[in-house]
Amino acid sequence: MREGGIFQPFPGLALGTVFLPFTALIICFTWSILFHFEASTSTHCEVEEFAPSISAVIGSNIPQKYVWNICIALQAAPRFLFSHMYRKLFQERLKRGTWTVSLVKFNWVLNVVENFCLLGLSFVGSSEVFPAHAFFFILFLITYMVSMCLVMMYLIPFCGFQIKSKAERESHRYKKILVKLTFISSLSAFYFYWRHNEYCEPYVYSFFG
């Protein structure tokens, strides 16, 4: 499974899993800006926006919706595989204890639910069934953040995890930065979403998106 690193035999698969949604988002965003700007920036407030939200970009127009759904479907199976691999890695490398074993299983459940929620929010657009899309989005964000905090703030620093390679050290450093950025961006998004619905000001929803 690995030799110092986590995904040693699968570098192409790991990179593909990361870049599929990133590439799809760039394509969908660019297409929406060039060809569906008015439709993708339309909101219930009917005020001007300078950029579409991610939900509008991936779920409201064709062919963007198809591009996003195909890429998300393709990356889903590898993400389930990597969730299992992380579970095995933690089981082997962490000091065993009553809470540690349970938390490793809990983290695996969070990863699986997160992946299903990403599929759900992708295939159920905000303009189709908004309550379902919102539910999947909120649950996706919660499971992602709880898993990241659990791993980076407890399992790795306090459960005896030994970093054995330069790649793991770099990965750990980047993930700590990612946790901080996720918290900042999530709080900012919730603020702009509240402000947009409360005051219907121009351009605010674009900052949320």
N, C-alpha and C. Protein backbone atom coordinates (compact mmCIF):
# COMPACT_ATOMS: atom_id res chain seq x y z
N MET A 1 0.82 -1.21 0.00
CA MET A 1 0.00 0.00 0.00
C MET A 1 0.85 1.26 0.00
N ARG A 2 1.98 1.22 0.71
CA ARG A 2 2.80 2.41 0.81
C ARG A 2 4.22 2.03 1.18
N GLU A 3 5.11 2.93 1.03
CA GLU A 3 6.51 2.77 1.45
C GLU A 3 6.98 4.13 1.90
N GLY A 4 6.66 4.47 3.14
CA GLY A 4 6.91 5.81 3.63
C GLY A 4 5.74 6.73 3.37
N GLY A 5 5.24 6.76 2.14
CA GLY A 5 4.11 7.60 1.80
C GLY A 5 2.83 6.81 1.88
N ILE A 6 1.71 7.51 1.75
CA ILE A 6 0.41 6.86 1.91
C ILE A 6 -0.06 6.20 0.63
N PHE A 7 0.12 6.86 -0.51
CA PHE A 7 -0.39 6.34 -1.77
C PHE A 7 0.75 6.04 -2.74
N GLN A 8 1.79 5.36 -2.24
CA GLN A 8 2.99 5.14 -3.04
C GLN A 8 2.71 4.45 -4.38
N PRO A 9 1.90 3.37 -4.44
CA PRO A 9 1.68 2.71 -5.72
C PRO A 9 0.66 3.43 -6.61
N PHE A 10 -0.03 4.44 -6.07
CA PHE A 10 -1.13 5.05 -6.81
C PHE A 10 -0.97 6.56 -6.97
N PRO A 11 0.20 7.07 -7.36
CA PRO A 11 0.35 8.53 -7.46
C PRO A 11 -0.56 9.12 -8.52
N GLY A 12 -0.70 8.41 -9.66
CA GLY A 12 -1.56 8.92 -10.73
C GLY A 12 -3.01 8.95 -10.31
N LEU A 13 -3.46 7.90 -9.63
CA LEU A 13 -4.85 7.84 -9.17
C LEU A 13 -5.13 8.92 -8.14
N ALA A 14 -4.19 9.12 -7.22
CA ALA A 14 -4.36 10.15 -6.19
C ALA A 14 -4.44 11.54 -6.81
N LEU A 15 -3.53 11.83 -7.74
CA LEU A 15 -3.53 13.14 -8.40
C LEU A 15 -4.79 13.33 -9.24
N GLY A 16 -5.19 12.28 -9.94
CA GLY A 16 -6.41 12.36 -10.75
C GLY A 16 -7.64 12.63 -9.91
N THR A 17 -7.70 12.00 -8.74
CA THR A 17 -8.83 12.20 -7.84
C THR A 17 -8.91 13.64 -7.36
N VAL A 18 -7.75 14.27 -7.15
CA VAL A 18 -7.71 15.66 -6.71
C VAL A 18 -8.04 16.61 -7.85
N PHE A 19 -7.48 16.34 -9.03
CA PHE A 19 -7.60 17.29 -10.13
C PHE A 19 -8.89 17.17 -10.93
N LEU A 20 -9.59 16.04 -10.83
CA LEU A 20 -10.86 15.91 -11.55
C LEU A 20 -11.87 16.99 -11.15
N PRO A 21 -12.22 17.12 -9.85
CA PRO A 21 -13.17 18.18 -9.49
C PRO A 21 -12.61 19.58 -9.70
N PHE A 22 -11.29 19.75 -9.48
CA PHE A 22 -10.68 21.07 -9.69
C PHE A 22 -10.78 21.48 -11.16
N THR A 23 -10.44 20.55 -12.06
CA THR A 23 -10.52 20.84 -13.49
C THR A 23 -11.95 21.09 -13.93
N ALA A 24 -12.88 20.27 -13.41
CA ALA A 24 -14.29 20.43 -13.76
C ALA A 24 -14.81 21.80 -13.31
N LEU A 25 -14.40 22.22 -12.11
CA LEU A 25 -14.86 23.52 -11.61
C LEU A 25 -14.34 24.66 -12.47
N ILE A 26 -13.08 24.59 -12.90
CA ILE A 26 -12.52 25.62 -13.77
C ILE A 26 -13.28 25.69 -15.09
N ILE A 27 -13.56 24.51 -15.68
CA ILE A 27 -14.29 24.46 -16.94
C ILE A 27 -15.69 25.05 -16.76
N CYS A 28 -16.40 24.61 -15.71
CA CYS A 28 -17.78 25.06 -15.48
C CYS A 28 -17.83 26.56 -15.20
N PHE A 29 -16.90 27.04 -14.40
CA PHE A 29 -16.87 28.46 -14.06
C PHE A 29 -16.60 29.30 -15.31
N THR A 30 -15.62 28.89 -16.10
CA THR A 30 -15.27 29.63 -17.31
C THR A 30 -16.43 29.64 -18.30
N TRP A 31 -17.06 28.48 -18.49
CA TRP A 31 -18.19 28.39 -19.43
C TRP A 31 -19.36 29.26 -18.97
N SER A 32 -19.61 29.25 -17.65
CA SER A 32 -20.72 30.06 -17.11
C SER A 32 -20.46 31.55 -17.29
N ILE A 33 -19.22 31.97 -17.07
CA ILE A 33 -18.87 33.39 -17.25
C ILE A 33 -19.02 33.80 -18.71
N LEU A 34 -18.58 32.94 -19.63
CA LEU A 34 -18.58 33.30 -21.05
C LEU A 34 -19.95 33.19 -21.71
N PHE A 35 -20.74 32.18 -21.33
CA PHE A 35 -21.97 31.89 -22.08
C PHE A 35 -23.26 31.95 -21.26
N HIS A 36 -23.19 31.85 -19.93
CA HIS A 36 -24.41 31.86 -19.13
C HIS A 36 -24.28 32.82 -17.95
N PHE A 37 -23.68 33.98 -18.19
CA PHE A 37 -23.39 34.87 -17.07
C PHE A 37 -24.66 35.33 -16.36
N GLU A 38 -25.65 35.81 -17.10
CA GLU A 38 -26.87 36.34 -16.48
C GLU A 38 -27.63 35.25 -15.73
N ALA A 39 -27.75 34.07 -16.34
CA ALA A 39 -28.48 32.98 -15.70
C ALA A 39 -27.78 32.49 -14.44
N SER A 40 -26.46 32.40 -14.49
CA SER A 40 -25.71 31.85 -13.36
C SER A 40 -25.51 32.85 -12.22
N THR A 41 -25.72 34.14 -12.48
CA THR A 41 -25.59 35.15 -11.42
C THR A 41 -26.94 35.66 -10.93
N SER A 42 -28.01 35.09 -11.44
CA SER A 42 -29.34 35.51 -11.03
C SER A 42 -29.66 35.00 -9.62
N THR A 43 -30.24 35.88 -8.78
CA THR A 43 -30.64 35.49 -7.42
C THR A 43 -32.06 35.99 -7.15
N HIS A 44 -32.62 35.54 -6.04
CA HIS A 44 -33.99 35.96 -5.71
C HIS A 44 -34.06 37.45 -5.38
N CYS A 45 -32.92 38.06 -5.04
CA CYS A 45 -32.90 39.50 -4.73
C CYS A 45 -32.92 40.37 -5.98
N GLU A 46 -32.56 39.77 -7.13
CA GLU A 46 -32.52 40.49 -8.40
C GLU A 46 -31.59 41.70 -8.33
N VAL A 47 -30.41 41.49 -7.77
CA VAL A 47 -29.38 42.54 -7.74
C VAL A 47 -28.18 42.07 -8.54
N GLU A 48 -27.31 43.01 -8.90
CA GLU A 48 -26.16 42.67 -9.72
C GLU A 48 -25.13 41.86 -8.93
N GLU A 49 -24.51 40.89 -9.61
CA GLU A 49 -23.42 40.12 -9.04
C GLU A 49 -22.28 40.10 -10.06
N PHE A 50 -21.04 40.00 -9.59
CA PHE A 50 -19.91 40.01 -10.51
C PHE A 50 -19.39 38.61 -10.84
N ALA A 51 -19.88 37.59 -10.11
CA ALA A 51 -19.46 36.20 -10.37
C ALA A 51 -20.54 35.25 -9.88
N PRO A 52 -20.68 34.09 -10.52
CA PRO A 52 -21.68 33.12 -10.09
C PRO A 52 -21.22 32.33 -8.87
N SER A 53 -22.17 31.74 -8.15
CA SER A 53 -21.83 30.86 -7.04
C SER A 53 -21.44 29.49 -7.59
N ILE A 54 -20.76 28.70 -6.77
CA ILE A 54 -20.37 27.36 -7.19
C ILE A 54 -21.61 26.51 -7.47
N SER A 55 -22.64 26.65 -6.64
CA SER A 55 -23.87 25.87 -6.83
C SER A 55 -24.50 26.17 -8.19
N ALA A 56 -24.51 27.46 -8.59
CA ALA A 56 -25.06 27.84 -9.88
C ALA A 56 -24.20 27.32 -11.03
N VAL A 57 -22.89 27.34 -10.82
CA VAL A 57 -21.95 26.92 -11.86
C VAL A 57 -22.07 25.43 -12.15
N ILE A 58 -22.25 24.62 -11.12
CA ILE A 58 -22.22 23.17 -11.31
C ILE A 58 -23.58 22.54 -11.51
N GLY A 59 -24.67 23.27 -11.21
CA GLY A 59 -25.94 22.57 -11.20
C GLY A 59 -27.08 23.19 -11.98
N SER A 60 -26.87 24.35 -12.61
CA SER A 60 -28.01 25.05 -13.20
C SER A 60 -28.05 25.02 -14.72
N ASN A 61 -26.92 24.87 -15.38
CA ASN A 61 -26.87 24.99 -16.83
C ASN A 61 -26.16 23.81 -17.48
N ILE A 62 -26.47 23.62 -18.76
CA ILE A 62 -25.87 22.57 -19.58
C ILE A 62 -24.88 23.26 -20.53
N PRO A 63 -23.68 22.73 -20.75
CA PRO A 63 -23.18 21.40 -20.38
C PRO A 63 -22.44 21.34 -19.04
N GLN A 64 -22.40 22.48 -18.29
CA GLN A 64 -21.62 22.50 -17.06
C GLN A 64 -22.04 21.39 -16.08
N LYS A 65 -23.35 21.21 -15.96
CA LYS A 65 -23.86 20.20 -15.03
C LYS A 65 -23.34 18.81 -15.38
N TYR A 66 -23.33 18.48 -16.68
CA TYR A 66 -22.86 17.16 -17.11
C TYR A 66 -21.35 17.01 -16.86
N VAL A 67 -20.59 18.06 -17.15
CA VAL A 67 -19.14 18.00 -16.93
C VAL A 67 -18.83 17.76 -15.46
N TRP A 68 -19.49 18.51 -14.59
CA TRP A 68 -19.26 18.38 -13.15
C TRP A 68 -19.68 17.00 -12.65
N ASN A 69 -20.88 16.55 -13.03
CA ASN A 69 -21.39 15.27 -12.54
C ASN A 69 -20.51 14.10 -12.98
N ILE A 70 -20.04 14.14 -14.22
CA ILE A 70 -19.17 13.07 -14.71
C ILE A 70 -17.86 13.02 -13.92
N CYS A 71 -17.26 14.18 -13.70
CA CYS A 71 -15.99 14.22 -12.97
C CYS A 71 -16.16 13.80 -11.52
N ILE A 72 -17.25 14.21 -10.89
CA ILE A 72 -17.49 13.83 -9.50
C ILE A 72 -17.78 12.33 -9.40
N ALA A 73 -18.51 11.80 -10.36
CA ALA A 73 -18.79 10.36 -10.36
C ALA A 73 -17.49 9.56 -10.54
N LEU A 74 -16.59 10.04 -11.39
CA LEU A 74 -15.33 9.34 -11.63
C LEU A 74 -14.41 9.35 -10.41
N GLN A 75 -14.45 10.43 -9.63
CA GLN A 75 -13.55 10.50 -8.48
C GLN A 75 -14.13 9.88 -7.21
N ALA A 76 -15.40 9.48 -7.26
CA ALA A 76 -16.05 8.95 -6.06
C ALA A 76 -15.46 7.62 -5.62
N ALA A 77 -15.29 6.68 -6.56
CA ALA A 77 -14.76 5.36 -6.20
C ALA A 77 -13.34 5.43 -5.63
N PRO A 78 -12.41 6.19 -6.24
CA PRO A 78 -11.09 6.32 -5.62
C PRO A 78 -11.14 6.93 -4.23
N ARG A 79 -12.06 7.87 -3.99
CA ARG A 79 -12.15 8.48 -2.67
C ARG A 79 -12.62 7.47 -1.63
N PHE A 80 -13.52 6.56 -2.01
CA PHE A 80 -13.91 5.49 -1.09
C PHE A 80 -12.71 4.59 -0.79
N LEU A 81 -11.91 4.31 -1.83
CA LEU A 81 -10.71 3.49 -1.65
C LEU A 81 -9.73 4.18 -0.71
N PHE A 82 -9.48 5.47 -0.91
CA PHE A 82 -8.53 6.19 -0.07
C PHE A 82 -9.03 6.31 1.37
N SER A 83 -10.34 6.40 1.55
CA SER A 83 -10.89 6.41 2.91
C SER A 83 -10.53 5.13 3.64
N HIS A 84 -10.67 4.01 2.93
CA HIS A 84 -10.31 2.71 3.51
C HIS A 84 -8.81 2.63 3.79
N MET A 85 -7.99 3.16 2.87
CA MET A 85 -6.54 3.13 3.05
C MET A 85 -6.10 3.98 4.25
N TYR A 86 -6.72 5.14 4.42
CA TYR A 86 -6.41 5.97 5.57
C TYR A 86 -6.80 5.26 6.87
N ARG A 87 -7.92 4.56 6.85
CA ARG A 87 -8.34 3.82 8.04
C ARG A 87 -7.30 2.75 8.40
N LYS A 88 -6.83 2.01 7.40
CA LYS A 88 -5.81 0.99 7.64
C LYS A 88 -4.51 1.62 8.12
N LEU A 89 -4.15 2.75 7.53
CA LEU A 89 -2.93 3.45 7.93
C LEU A 89 -2.98 3.85 9.39
N PHE A 90 -4.08 4.45 9.82
CA PHE A 90 -4.22 4.89 11.21
C PHE A 90 -4.26 3.70 12.16
N GLN A 91 -4.91 2.62 11.74
CA GLN A 91 -4.95 1.43 12.59
C GLN A 91 -3.56 0.86 12.83
N GLU A 92 -2.69 0.96 11.82
CA GLU A 92 -1.35 0.41 11.93
C GLU A 92 -0.37 1.36 12.63
N ARG A 93 -0.56 2.67 12.46
CA ARG A 93 0.46 3.62 12.89
C ARG A 93 0.13 4.36 14.19
N LEU A 94 -1.12 4.29 14.66
CA LEU A 94 -1.47 4.97 15.89
C LEU A 94 -1.39 4.02 17.07
N LYS A 95 -1.09 4.56 18.24
CA LYS A 95 -1.11 3.75 19.45
C LYS A 95 -2.54 3.32 19.75
N ARG A 96 -2.72 2.05 19.97
CA ARG A 96 -4.07 1.53 20.19
C ARG A 96 -4.56 1.88 21.60
N GLY A 97 -5.79 2.33 21.64
CA GLY A 97 -6.46 2.64 22.89
C GLY A 97 -7.95 2.59 22.65
N THR A 98 -8.72 2.64 23.73
CA THR A 98 -10.18 2.54 23.59
C THR A 98 -10.74 3.63 22.69
N TRP A 99 -10.31 4.88 22.94
CA TRP A 99 -10.82 6.00 22.15
C TRP A 99 -10.22 6.04 20.76
N THR A 100 -8.96 5.67 20.64
CA THR A 100 -8.29 5.75 19.34
C THR A 100 -8.96 4.85 18.31
N VAL A 101 -9.22 3.60 18.67
CA VAL A 101 -9.86 2.67 17.74
C VAL A 101 -11.23 3.18 17.31
N SER A 102 -12.00 3.68 18.27
CA SER A 102 -13.35 4.19 17.96
C SER A 102 -13.28 5.43 17.09
N LEU A 103 -12.33 6.31 17.37
CA LEU A 103 -12.21 7.55 16.60
C LEU A 103 -11.73 7.31 15.18
N VAL A 104 -10.88 6.31 14.99
CA VAL A 104 -10.45 5.96 13.64
C VAL A 104 -11.64 5.46 12.83
N LYS A 105 -12.48 4.64 13.44
CA LYS A 105 -13.69 4.16 12.75
C LYS A 105 -14.64 5.32 12.47
N PHE A 106 -14.77 6.21 13.45
CA PHE A 106 -15.64 7.38 13.29
C PHE A 106 -15.15 8.26 12.15
N ASN A 107 -13.85 8.46 12.05
CA ASN A 107 -13.28 9.26 10.97
C ASN A 107 -13.56 8.63 9.61
N TRP A 108 -13.47 7.30 9.55
CA TRP A 108 -13.79 6.60 8.30
C TRP A 108 -15.25 6.82 7.91
N VAL A 109 -16.16 6.76 8.89
CA VAL A 109 -17.58 7.02 8.62
C VAL A 109 -17.76 8.44 8.10
N LEU A 110 -17.08 9.40 8.71
CA LEU A 110 -17.16 10.79 8.25
C LEU A 110 -16.71 10.91 6.80
N ASN A 111 -15.63 10.24 6.44
CA ASN A 111 -15.12 10.29 5.06
C ASN A 111 -16.12 9.71 4.07
N VAL A 112 -16.75 8.60 4.43
CA VAL A 112 -17.73 7.96 3.56
C VAL A 112 -18.96 8.85 3.39
N VAL A 113 -19.47 9.39 4.50
CA VAL A 113 -20.64 10.28 4.43
C VAL A 113 -20.31 11.53 3.61
N GLU A 114 -19.12 12.07 3.81
CA GLU A 114 -18.68 13.25 3.05
C GLU A 114 -18.71 12.97 1.54
N ASN A 115 -18.23 11.81 1.15
CA ASN A 115 -18.20 11.45 -0.27
C ASN A 115 -19.61 11.31 -0.83
N PHE A 116 -20.50 10.66 -0.08
CA PHE A 116 -21.89 10.53 -0.52
C PHE A 116 -22.57 11.90 -0.63
N CYS A 117 -22.26 12.79 0.31
CA CYS A 117 -22.85 14.13 0.28
C CYS A 117 -22.37 14.93 -0.92
N LEU A 118 -21.09 14.76 -1.28
CA LEU A 118 -20.58 15.43 -2.47
C LEU A 118 -21.32 14.95 -3.72
N LEU A 119 -21.57 13.65 -3.79
CA LEU A 119 -22.36 13.11 -4.89
C LEU A 119 -23.77 13.69 -4.87
N GLY A 120 -24.36 13.75 -3.68
CA GLY A 120 -25.73 14.26 -3.56
C GLY A 120 -25.87 15.70 -3.96
N LEU A 121 -24.99 16.58 -3.46
CA LEU A 121 -25.11 17.99 -3.80
C LEU A 121 -24.76 18.26 -5.25
N SER A 122 -24.00 17.34 -5.88
CA SER A 122 -23.64 17.49 -7.29
C SER A 122 -24.79 17.09 -8.20
N PHE A 123 -25.45 15.99 -7.89
CA PHE A 123 -26.51 15.48 -8.75
C PHE A 123 -27.87 16.10 -8.46
N VAL A 124 -28.03 16.71 -7.29
CA VAL A 124 -29.27 17.43 -6.97
C VAL A 124 -28.93 18.91 -6.92
N GLY A 125 -29.22 19.63 -7.99
CA GLY A 125 -28.85 21.04 -8.09
C GLY A 125 -29.68 21.93 -7.18
N SER A 126 -29.13 23.11 -6.85
CA SER A 126 -29.84 24.05 -5.99
C SER A 126 -31.11 24.57 -6.64
N SER A 127 -31.15 24.60 -7.97
CA SER A 127 -32.33 25.08 -8.67
C SER A 127 -33.37 23.98 -8.88
N GLU A 128 -33.03 22.74 -8.52
CA GLU A 128 -33.96 21.62 -8.71
C GLU A 128 -34.70 21.30 -7.41
N VAL A 129 -33.97 20.85 -6.40
CA VAL A 129 -34.58 20.59 -5.08
C VAL A 129 -33.67 21.26 -4.06
N PHE A 130 -33.94 22.53 -3.79
CA PHE A 130 -33.03 23.31 -2.95
C PHE A 130 -32.85 22.74 -1.55
N PRO A 131 -33.93 22.31 -0.86
CA PRO A 131 -33.71 21.77 0.50
C PRO A 131 -32.77 20.57 0.52
N ALA A 132 -32.89 19.68 -0.47
CA ALA A 132 -32.00 18.51 -0.53
C ALA A 132 -30.57 18.94 -0.83
N HIS A 133 -30.41 19.87 -1.77
CA HIS A 133 -29.07 20.37 -2.10
C HIS A 133 -28.42 21.04 -0.89
N ALA A 134 -29.19 21.86 -0.18
CA ALA A 134 -28.67 22.54 1.00
C ALA A 134 -28.29 21.53 2.09
N PHE A 135 -29.13 20.50 2.27
CA PHE A 135 -28.84 19.47 3.27
C PHE A 135 -27.52 18.76 2.96
N PHE A 136 -27.36 18.35 1.69
CA PHE A 136 -26.13 17.67 1.29
C PHE A 136 -24.91 18.59 1.46
N PHE A 137 -25.07 19.86 1.10
CA PHE A 137 -23.95 20.80 1.20
C PHE A 137 -23.53 21.01 2.65
N ILE A 138 -24.50 21.24 3.53
CA ILE A 138 -24.18 21.49 4.94
C ILE A 138 -23.56 20.25 5.58
N LEU A 139 -24.13 19.07 5.29
CA LEU A 139 -23.59 17.84 5.86
C LEU A 139 -22.19 17.54 5.30
N PHE A 140 -21.98 17.83 4.02
CA PHE A 140 -20.65 17.68 3.41
C PHE A 140 -19.63 18.55 4.13
N LEU A 141 -19.99 19.81 4.36
CA LEU A 141 -19.07 20.73 5.01
C LEU A 141 -18.77 20.30 6.45
N ILE A 142 -19.80 19.86 7.17
CA ILE A 142 -19.62 19.44 8.56
C ILE A 142 -18.72 18.21 8.64
N THR A 143 -19.02 17.20 7.84
CA THR A 143 -18.22 15.96 7.90
C THR A 143 -16.77 16.22 7.48
N TYR A 144 -16.58 17.05 6.47
CA TYR A 144 -15.23 17.38 6.02
C TYR A 144 -14.44 18.08 7.13
N MET A 145 -15.04 19.09 7.75
CA MET A 145 -14.34 19.87 8.76
C MET A 145 -14.08 19.07 10.04
N VAL A 146 -15.07 18.28 10.45
CA VAL A 146 -14.89 17.46 11.65
C VAL A 146 -13.78 16.43 11.44
N SER A 147 -13.76 15.81 10.25
CA SER A 147 -12.73 14.83 9.94
C SER A 147 -11.34 15.47 9.93
N MET A 148 -11.22 16.61 9.28
CA MET A 148 -9.93 17.30 9.22
C MET A 148 -9.45 17.69 10.61
N CYS A 149 -10.35 18.22 11.42
CA CYS A 149 -9.96 18.63 12.78
C CYS A 149 -9.60 17.41 13.63
N LEU A 150 -10.37 16.35 13.50
CA LEU A 150 -10.10 15.14 14.27
C LEU A 150 -8.72 14.58 13.95
N VAL A 151 -8.40 14.52 12.66
CA VAL A 151 -7.11 13.96 12.25
C VAL A 151 -5.96 14.89 12.60
N MET A 152 -6.09 16.17 12.25
CA MET A 152 -4.97 17.10 12.39
C MET A 152 -4.77 17.62 13.81
N MET A 153 -5.84 17.64 14.61
CA MET A 153 -5.74 18.21 15.94
C MET A 153 -5.76 17.19 17.06
N TYR A 154 -6.04 15.93 16.73
CA TYR A 154 -6.05 14.92 17.79
C TYR A 154 -5.32 13.64 17.41
N LEU A 155 -5.77 12.96 16.35
CA LEU A 155 -5.20 11.66 16.04
C LEU A 155 -3.69 11.73 15.76
N ILE A 156 -3.28 12.66 14.91
CA ILE A 156 -1.86 12.74 14.57
C ILE A 156 -1.00 13.30 15.71
N PRO A 157 -1.38 14.42 16.33
CA PRO A 157 -0.49 14.96 17.36
C PRO A 157 -0.53 14.24 18.71
N PHE A 158 -1.64 13.56 19.06
CA PHE A 158 -1.79 13.02 20.41
C PHE A 158 -1.91 11.50 20.49
N CYS A 159 -1.89 10.82 19.35
CA CYS A 159 -2.09 9.36 19.38
C CYS A 159 -0.88 8.59 18.85
N GLY A 160 0.28 9.22 18.90
CA GLY A 160 1.51 8.51 18.59
C GLY A 160 1.79 8.29 17.12
N PHE A 161 1.22 9.09 16.24
CA PHE A 161 1.47 8.93 14.80
C PHE A 161 2.91 9.35 14.48
N GLN A 162 3.65 8.48 13.82
CA GLN A 162 5.04 8.75 13.46
C GLN A 162 5.12 9.12 11.97
N ILE A 163 5.57 10.35 11.69
CA ILE A 163 5.78 10.77 10.30
C ILE A 163 7.08 10.15 9.81
N LYS A 164 7.02 9.35 8.73
CA LYS A 164 8.16 8.54 8.32
C LYS A 164 8.82 8.97 7.01
N SER A 165 8.29 10.00 6.38
CA SER A 165 8.90 10.40 5.11
C SER A 165 8.74 11.90 4.90
N LYS A 166 9.52 12.44 3.99
CA LYS A 166 9.42 13.85 3.64
C LYS A 166 8.05 14.17 3.04
N ALA A 167 7.52 13.23 2.24
CA ALA A 167 6.21 13.44 1.62
C ALA A 167 5.12 13.56 2.68
N GLU A 168 5.17 12.71 3.71
CA GLU A 168 4.19 12.78 4.79
C GLU A 168 4.33 14.08 5.57
N ARG A 169 5.56 14.52 5.77
CA ARG A 169 5.80 15.78 6.49
C ARG A 169 5.22 16.96 5.72
N GLU A 170 5.44 16.97 4.41
CA GLU A 170 4.89 18.04 3.57
C GLU A 170 3.37 17.98 3.55
N SER A 171 2.82 16.77 3.43
CA SER A 171 1.37 16.60 3.44
C SER A 171 0.76 17.12 4.74
N HIS A 172 1.41 16.79 5.85
CA HIS A 172 0.92 17.24 7.16
C HIS A 172 0.94 18.76 7.26
N ARG A 173 2.00 19.37 6.76
CA ARG A 173 2.11 20.84 6.81
C ARG A 173 1.03 21.50 5.97
N TYR A 174 0.80 20.98 4.76
CA TYR A 174 -0.22 21.57 3.88
C TYR A 174 -1.61 21.39 4.46
N LYS A 175 -1.86 20.25 5.10
CA LYS A 175 -3.19 20.00 5.66
C LYS A 175 -3.47 20.92 6.84
N LYS A 176 -2.46 21.25 7.63
CA LYS A 176 -2.66 22.20 8.73
C LYS A 176 -3.05 23.57 8.18
N ILE A 177 -2.41 23.97 7.10
CA ILE A 177 -2.78 25.24 6.45
C ILE A 177 -4.19 25.16 5.90
N LEU A 178 -4.53 24.01 5.30
CA LEU A 178 -5.85 23.82 4.70
C LEU A 178 -6.96 23.90 5.75
N VAL A 179 -6.72 23.35 6.95
CA VAL A 179 -7.70 23.42 8.03
C VAL A 179 -8.00 24.88 8.37
N LYS A 180 -6.97 25.69 8.51
CA LYS A 180 -7.15 27.10 8.85
C LYS A 180 -7.90 27.85 7.74
N LEU A 181 -7.51 27.60 6.49
CA LEU A 181 -8.17 28.26 5.37
C LEU A 181 -9.64 27.84 5.26
N THR A 182 -9.92 26.56 5.55
CA THR A 182 -11.30 26.07 5.48
C THR A 182 -12.17 26.77 6.51
N PHE A 183 -11.66 26.93 7.72
CA PHE A 183 -12.43 27.62 8.76
C PHE A 183 -12.70 29.07 8.37
N ILE A 184 -11.66 29.75 7.89
CA ILE A 184 -11.82 31.15 7.51
C ILE A 184 -12.82 31.30 6.36
N SER A 185 -12.66 30.48 5.32
CA SER A 185 -13.55 30.58 4.15
C SER A 185 -14.99 30.19 4.50
N SER A 186 -15.16 29.20 5.36
CA SER A 186 -16.51 28.77 5.75
C SER A 186 -17.23 29.85 6.54
N LEU A 187 -16.53 30.44 7.51
CA LEU A 187 -17.14 31.52 8.29
C LEU A 187 -17.47 32.72 7.40
N SER A 188 -16.58 33.03 6.47
CA SER A 188 -16.82 34.14 5.55
C SER A 188 -18.03 33.85 4.67
N ALA A 189 -18.13 32.61 4.18
CA ALA A 189 -19.25 32.23 3.31
C ALA A 189 -20.58 32.34 4.05
N PHE A 190 -20.62 31.83 5.29
CA PHE A 190 -21.86 31.93 6.07
C PHE A 190 -22.24 33.38 6.32
N TYR A 191 -21.25 34.23 6.58
CA TYR A 191 -21.53 35.66 6.80
C TYR A 191 -22.12 36.30 5.55
N PHE A 192 -21.49 36.08 4.40
CA PHE A 192 -21.98 36.70 3.17
C PHE A 192 -23.34 36.14 2.76
N TYR A 193 -23.57 34.85 3.02
CA TYR A 193 -24.89 34.26 2.71
C TYR A 193 -25.97 34.91 3.57
N TRP A 194 -25.68 35.08 4.87
CA TRP A 194 -26.63 35.75 5.76
C TRP A 194 -26.87 37.19 5.32
N ARG A 195 -25.80 37.90 5.00
CA ARG A 195 -25.93 39.30 4.61
C ARG A 195 -26.72 39.44 3.31
N HIS A 196 -26.48 38.52 2.36
CA HIS A 196 -27.20 38.56 1.10
C HIS A 196 -28.71 38.40 1.33
N ASN A 197 -29.09 37.42 2.14
CA ASN A 197 -30.51 37.17 2.39
C ASN A 197 -31.15 38.25 3.27
N GLU A 198 -30.33 38.86 4.13
CA GLU A 198 -30.86 39.87 5.05
C GLU A 198 -31.04 41.22 4.39
N TYR A 199 -30.07 41.62 3.54
CA TYR A 199 -30.06 42.98 3.00
C TYR A 199 -30.18 43.05 1.49
N CYS A 200 -29.99 41.95 0.78
CA CYS A 200 -30.07 41.93 -0.69
C CYS A 200 -29.19 43.02 -1.32
N GLU A 201 -27.95 43.07 -0.92
CA GLU A 201 -27.03 44.06 -1.45
C GLU A 201 -26.36 43.53 -2.72
N PRO A 202 -26.02 44.41 -3.66
CA PRO A 202 -25.32 43.97 -4.87
C PRO A 202 -23.95 43.36 -4.54
N TYR A 203 -23.58 42.35 -5.29
CA TYR A 203 -22.25 41.71 -5.27
C TYR A 203 -21.96 40.86 -4.03
N VAL A 204 -22.81 40.90 -3.02
CA VAL A 204 -22.53 40.14 -1.80
C VAL A 204 -22.61 38.64 -2.04
N TYR A 205 -23.58 38.20 -2.83
CA TYR A 205 -23.73 36.76 -3.09
C TYR A 205 -22.53 36.20 -3.85
N SER A 206 -21.89 37.05 -4.66
CA SER A 206 -20.69 36.61 -5.36
C SER A 206 -19.56 36.28 -4.38
N PHE A 207 -19.47 37.07 -3.31
CA PHE A 207 -18.46 36.76 -2.30
C PHE A 207 -18.79 35.46 -1.58
N PHE A 208 -20.07 35.19 -1.36
CA PHE A 208 -20.48 33.90 -0.77
C PHE A 208 -20.09 32.74 -1.70
N GLY A 209 -20.38 32.91 -3.01
CA GLY A 209 -20.17 31.83 -3.97
C GLY A 209 -18.73 31.44 -4.12
